[in-house]
Amino acid sequence: MKRYFLIAITSLTIGLAGQAMAKEMDMAKLTCKEVGSMPPARIIGVAMWMSGYMHGKAGNTMVDGEMAHANAEKIVSYCKSNASATLASAVEAVSK
């Protein structure tokens, strides 16, 4: 039962994030300032995409919710100090 609940929640979240990201964007050029000016739902969609991208690059299929939250806080802190940095460079800087 828990498994089906998790699948349902994941599907719903992905569906909502997809609606929030209806506009096409080049994720490699997206700056911290641009992300900061987005509505919250779009920011969540961008964060989910970046998380999936980074996990895919690393060949890691596991998701740790607490670690994802901690990393998101580090990225937000980095972006506040480096508004012109790309989001990709912020993720790279924080992951080192």
Protein backbone atom coordinates (compact mmCIF):
# COMPACT_ATOMS: atom_id res chain seq x y z
CA MET A 1 0.00 0.00 0.00
CA LYS A 2 2.81 2.42 0.89
CA ARG A 3 4.41 1.75 -2.49
CA TYR A 4 1.27 2.73 -4.41
CA PHE A 5 0.86 5.84 -2.28
CA LEU A 6 4.46 6.88 -2.99
CA ILE A 7 3.97 6.29 -6.73
CA ALA A 8 0.76 8.35 -6.70
CA ILE A 9 2.39 11.26 -4.83
CA THR A 10 5.42 11.19 -7.14
CA SER A 11 3.21 11.19 -10.24
CA LEU A 12 1.16 14.09 -8.90
CA THR A 13 4.26 16.11 -8.03
CA ILE A 14 5.80 15.54 -11.45
CA GLY A 15 2.53 16.48 -13.13
CA LEU A 16 2.26 19.72 -11.18
CA ALA A 17 5.91 20.57 -11.81
CA GLY A 18 5.41 19.99 -15.52
CA GLN A 19 2.54 22.48 -15.56
CA ALA A 20 4.64 24.97 -13.63
CA MET A 21 7.43 24.72 -16.22
CA ALA A 22 5.31 25.22 -19.34
CA LYS A 23 7.82 27.77 -20.69
CA GLU A 24 10.89 26.26 -22.38
CA MET A 25 14.23 27.20 -20.77
CA ASP A 26 17.90 26.49 -21.37
CA MET A 27 18.90 25.09 -17.99
CA ALA A 28 22.63 25.60 -18.71
CA LYS A 29 22.11 29.37 -19.03
CA LEU A 30 19.59 29.88 -16.23
CA THR A 31 20.98 32.33 -13.65
CA CYS A 32 20.39 32.46 -9.93
CA LYS A 33 18.70 35.85 -10.40
CA GLU A 34 16.27 34.40 -12.96
CA VAL A 35 15.39 31.51 -10.66
CA GLY A 36 14.87 33.90 -7.75
CA SER A 37 12.32 35.90 -9.75
CA MET A 38 10.23 32.83 -10.66
CA PRO A 39 6.98 31.89 -8.96
CA PRO A 40 7.42 29.22 -6.25
CA ALA A 41 5.83 26.44 -8.33
CA ARG A 42 8.29 27.03 -11.17
CA ILE A 43 11.23 27.05 -8.74
CA ILE A 44 10.12 23.65 -7.46
CA GLY A 45 10.02 22.36 -11.03
CA VAL A 46 13.52 23.70 -11.73
CA ALA A 47 14.83 22.17 -8.49
CA MET A 48 13.33 18.79 -9.37
CA TRP A 49 14.84 18.90 -12.84
CA MET A 50 18.28 19.87 -11.53
CA SER A 51 18.14 17.13 -8.91
CA GLY A 52 17.25 14.53 -11.51
CA TYR A 53 19.92 15.79 -13.87
CA MET A 54 22.66 15.70 -11.24
CA HIS A 55 21.60 12.27 -9.98
CA GLY A 56 21.54 11.00 -13.57
CA LYS A 57 25.06 12.32 -14.23
CA ALA A 58 26.28 10.56 -11.10
CA GLY A 59 24.44 7.33 -11.95
CA ASN A 60 22.61 7.56 -8.63
CA THR A 61 18.99 6.40 -8.60
CA MET A 62 18.43 7.06 -4.89
CA VAL A 63 16.81 10.21 -3.51
CA ASP A 64 17.40 11.38 0.05
CA GLY A 65 14.76 14.00 0.87
CA GLU A 66 16.62 15.44 3.84
CA MET A 67 19.85 15.76 1.90
CA ALA A 68 18.01 17.31 -1.06
CA HIS A 69 16.53 19.93 1.27
CA ALA A 70 19.93 20.67 2.83
CA ASN A 71 21.52 21.00 -0.62
CA ALA A 72 18.71 23.30 -1.77
CA GLU A 73 19.40 25.57 1.20
CA LYS A 74 23.12 25.66 0.31
CA ILE A 75 22.28 26.55 -3.30
CA VAL A 76 19.92 29.33 -2.18
CA SER A 77 22.64 30.74 0.06
CA TYR A 78 25.19 30.58 -2.77
CA CYS A 79 22.78 32.23 -5.20
CA LYS A 80 22.05 35.10 -2.80
CA SER A 81 25.76 35.95 -2.88
CA ASN A 82 26.23 35.24 -6.61
CA ALA A 83 23.08 36.39 -8.43
CA SER A 84 24.75 36.42 -11.85
CA ALA A 85 26.05 32.85 -11.50
CA THR A 86 24.29 30.15 -13.47
CA LEU A 87 22.25 27.67 -11.51
CA ALA A 88 24.42 24.86 -12.89
CA SER A 89 27.58 26.53 -11.56
CA ALA A 90 25.89 27.05 -8.18
CA VAL A 91 25.04 23.35 -8.01
CA GLU A 92 28.60 22.43 -8.95
CA ALA A 93 30.07 24.82 -6.35
CA VAL A 94 27.84 23.48 -3.58
CA SER A 95 28.41 19.83 -4.46
CA LYS A 96 32.19 20.07 -4.01
